Amino acid sequence: MKLTIAITLAALAVAGSAFAQAPGGGGGGGGASPEMQAARQAMMQACAADQKSLCADKQGREAMMCLMRDNADKVSQGCKDAMAKMRAARQGGAGGGSH
């Protein structure tokens, strides 16, 4: 059971990096910023129970979309907060914005 959770969290990490890219074609940053890495880790921890209860049959990107799109109104407040921080870190590390 712990192995399943560990695998799911690893899949969420990969999905988080895919989700964190800009939908219009991937911001092209070589690697995630330390802020983004911390936000992603916090989100994986905060959302682990929600993923298990709401999206147990999903893995990887599907699990991330299940939480963020299909069940956004059902996830815990801690998970919602962590998602918001990840979005903020993604936008803050996306390369400025005044060009």
C-alpha atoms as a PDB file:
ATOM      1  CA  MET A   1       0.000   0.000   0.000  1.00  0.00           C
ATOM      2  CA  LYS A   2       2.821   2.405   0.845  1.00  0.00           C
ATOM      3  CA  LEU A   3       4.472   1.443  -2.427  1.00  0.00           C
ATOM      4  CA  THR A   4       1.300   2.371  -4.315  1.00  0.00           C
ATOM      5  CA  ILE A   5       1.234   5.764  -2.616  1.00  0.00           C
ATOM      6  CA  ALA A   6       4.928   6.311  -3.378  1.00  0.00           C
ATOM      7  CA  ILE A   7       4.403   5.404  -7.032  1.00  0.00           C
ATOM      8  CA  THR A   8       1.363   7.670  -7.227  1.00  0.00           C
ATOM      9  CA  LEU A   9       3.295  10.563  -5.699  1.00  0.00           C
ATOM     10  CA  ALA A  10       6.135  10.021  -8.161  1.00  0.00           C
ATOM     11  CA  ALA A  11       3.613  10.027 -11.007  1.00  0.00           C
ATOM     12  CA  LEU A  12       2.130  13.259  -9.654  1.00  0.00           C
ATOM     13  CA  ALA A  13       5.601  14.793  -9.665  1.00  0.00           C
ATOM     14  CA  VAL A  14       6.009  13.956 -13.335  1.00  0.00           C
ATOM     15  CA  ALA A  15       2.484  15.099 -14.100  1.00  0.00           C
ATOM     16  CA  GLY A  16       3.055  18.283 -12.128  1.00  0.00           C
ATOM     17  CA  SER A  17       5.984  19.212 -14.330  1.00  0.00           C
ATOM     18  CA  ALA A  18       3.933  18.518 -17.455  1.00  0.00           C
ATOM     19  CA  PHE A  19       0.999  20.470 -16.068  1.00  0.00           C
ATOM     20  CA  ALA A  20       3.267  23.331 -15.024  1.00  0.00           C
ATOM     21  CA  GLN A  21       4.226  24.067 -18.615  1.00  0.00           C
ATOM     22  CA  ALA A  22       2.392  26.831 -20.397  1.00  0.00           C
ATOM     23  CA  PRO A  23      -0.482  25.420 -22.467  1.00  0.00           C
ATOM     24  CA  GLY A  24       0.607  27.394 -25.514  1.00  0.00           C
ATOM     25  CA  GLY A  25       3.818  25.514 -26.095  1.00  0.00           C
ATOM     26  CA  GLY A  26       5.928  25.088 -23.003  1.00  0.00           C
ATOM     27  CA  GLY A  27       7.797  28.062 -21.587  1.00  0.00           C
ATOM     28  CA  GLY A  28      11.102  26.430 -22.491  1.00  0.00           C
ATOM     29  CA  GLY A  29      12.719  26.781 -19.082  1.00  0.00           C
ATOM     30  CA  GLY A  30      15.590  24.298 -18.727  1.00  0.00           C
ATOM     31  CA  GLY A  31      14.548  23.141 -15.255  1.00  0.00           C
ATOM     32  CA  ALA A  32      12.125  23.896 -12.526  1.00  0.00           C
ATOM     33  CA  SER A  33      13.057  26.711 -10.188  1.00  0.00           C
ATOM     34  CA  PRO A  34      13.639  25.888  -6.531  1.00  0.00           C
ATOM     35  CA  GLU A  35      10.327  27.600  -5.763  1.00  0.00           C
ATOM     36  CA  MET A  36       8.534  25.418  -8.310  1.00  0.00           C
ATOM     37  CA  GLN A  37      10.169  22.276  -6.974  1.00  0.00           C
ATOM     38  CA  ALA A  38       9.158  23.168  -3.417  1.00  0.00           C
ATOM     39  CA  ALA A  39       5.612  24.002  -4.496  1.00  0.00           C
ATOM     40  CA  ARG A  40       5.308  20.735  -6.412  1.00  0.00           C
ATOM     41  CA  GLN A  41       6.567  18.733  -3.427  1.00  0.00           C
ATOM     42  CA  ALA A  42       4.169  20.527  -1.097  1.00  0.00           C
ATOM     43  CA  MET A  43       1.291  19.866  -3.465  1.00  0.00           C
ATOM     44  CA  MET A  44       2.120  16.160  -3.699  1.00  0.00           C
ATOM     45  CA  GLN A  45       2.091  15.911   0.080  1.00  0.00           C
ATOM     46  CA  ALA A  46      -1.009  18.043   0.595  1.00  0.00           C
ATOM     47  CA  CYS A  47      -2.997  16.270  -2.119  1.00  0.00           C
ATOM     48  CA  ALA A  48      -1.930  12.658  -1.490  1.00  0.00           C
ATOM     49  CA  ALA A  49      -5.028  11.766   0.552  1.00  0.00           C
ATOM     50  CA  ASP A  50      -7.320  13.534  -1.928  1.00  0.00           C
ATOM     51  CA  GLN A  51      -5.715  11.693  -4.837  1.00  0.00           C
ATOM     52  CA  LYS A  52      -6.163   8.387  -3.046  1.00  0.00           C
ATOM     53  CA  SER A  53      -9.813   8.997  -2.229  1.00  0.00           C
ATOM     54  CA  LEU A  54     -10.969  10.849  -5.349  1.00  0.00           C
ATOM     55  CA  CYS A  55      -8.720   9.597  -8.146  1.00  0.00           C
ATOM     56  CA  ALA A  56      -7.312   6.259  -6.988  1.00  0.00           C
ATOM     57  CA  ASP A  57      -7.880   4.687 -10.391  1.00  0.00           C
ATOM     58  CA  LYS A  58      -5.784   7.349 -12.162  1.00  0.00           C
ATOM     59  CA  GLN A  59      -2.043   7.796 -12.507  1.00  0.00           C
ATOM     60  CA  GLY A  60       0.330  10.453 -13.746  1.00  0.00           C
ATOM     61  CA  ARG A  61      -1.170  13.356 -15.642  1.00  0.00           C
ATOM     62  CA  GLU A  62      -4.635  11.794 -15.483  1.00  0.00           C
ATOM     63  CA  ALA A  63      -4.471  11.823 -11.677  1.00  0.00           C
ATOM     64  CA  MET A  64      -3.407  15.475 -11.698  1.00  0.00           C
ATOM     65  CA  MET A  65      -6.248  16.447 -14.035  1.00  0.00           C
ATOM     66  CA  CYS A  66      -8.683  14.367 -11.992  1.00  0.00           C
ATOM     67  CA  LEU A  67      -7.804  16.427  -8.930  1.00  0.00           C
ATOM     68  CA  MET A  68      -7.421  19.850 -10.496  1.00  0.00           C
ATOM     69  CA  ARG A  69     -10.183  19.792 -13.070  1.00  0.00           C
ATOM     70  CA  ASP A  70     -12.683  17.072 -12.268  1.00  0.00           C
ATOM     71  CA  ASN A  71     -12.665  17.306  -8.468  1.00  0.00           C
ATOM     72  CA  ALA A  72     -11.405  20.819  -7.721  1.00  0.00           C
ATOM     73  CA  ASP A  73     -14.487  21.502  -5.612  1.00  0.00           C
ATOM     74  CA  LYS A  74     -14.020  18.300  -3.582  1.00  0.00           C
ATOM     75  CA  VAL A  75     -10.326  18.433  -2.644  1.00  0.00           C
ATOM     76  CA  SER A  76      -9.267  19.482   0.827  1.00  0.00           C
ATOM     77  CA  GLN A  77      -8.458  23.095   1.585  1.00  0.00           C
ATOM     78  CA  GLY A  78      -4.811  22.183   2.093  1.00  0.00           C
ATOM     79  CA  CYS A  79      -4.681  20.670  -1.384  1.00  0.00           C
ATOM     80  CA  LYS A  80      -6.402  23.740  -2.873  1.00  0.00           C
ATOM     81  CA  ASP A  81      -3.875  26.006  -1.157  1.00  0.00           C
ATOM     82  CA  ALA A  82      -0.963  23.901  -2.410  1.00  0.00           C
ATOM     83  CA  MET A  83      -2.354  23.976  -5.969  1.00  0.00           C
ATOM     84  CA  ALA A  84      -2.621  27.758  -5.788  1.00  0.00           C
ATOM     85  CA  LYS A  85       0.983  28.031  -4.577  1.00  0.00           C
ATOM     86  CA  MET A  86       2.161  25.803  -7.416  1.00  0.00           C
ATOM     87  CA  ARG A  87       0.340  27.967  -9.950  1.00  0.00           C
ATOM     88  CA  ALA A  88       1.884  31.086  -8.412  1.00  0.00           C
ATOM     89  CA  ALA A  89       5.359  29.538  -8.491  1.00  0.00           C
ATOM     90  CA  ARG A  90       4.837  28.520 -12.117  1.00  0.00           C
ATOM     91  CA  GLN A  91       3.824  32.028 -13.108  1.00  0.00           C
ATOM     92  CA  GLY A  92       6.532  33.648 -11.030  1.00  0.00           C
ATOM     93  CA  GLY A  93       9.210  31.406 -12.513  1.00  0.00           C
ATOM     94  CA  ALA A  94       7.903  31.554 -16.069  1.00  0.00           C
ATOM     95  CA  GLY A  95      10.337  34.264 -17.025  1.00  0.00           C
ATOM     96  CA  GLY A  96       9.000  37.619 -15.973  1.00  0.00           C
ATOM     97  CA  GLY A  97       6.225  38.885 -18.171  1.00  0.00           C
ATOM     98  CA  SER A  98       7.142  42.427 -19.113  1.00  0.00           C
ATOM     99  CA  HIS A  99       8.683  42.047 -22.512  1.00  0.00           C
END
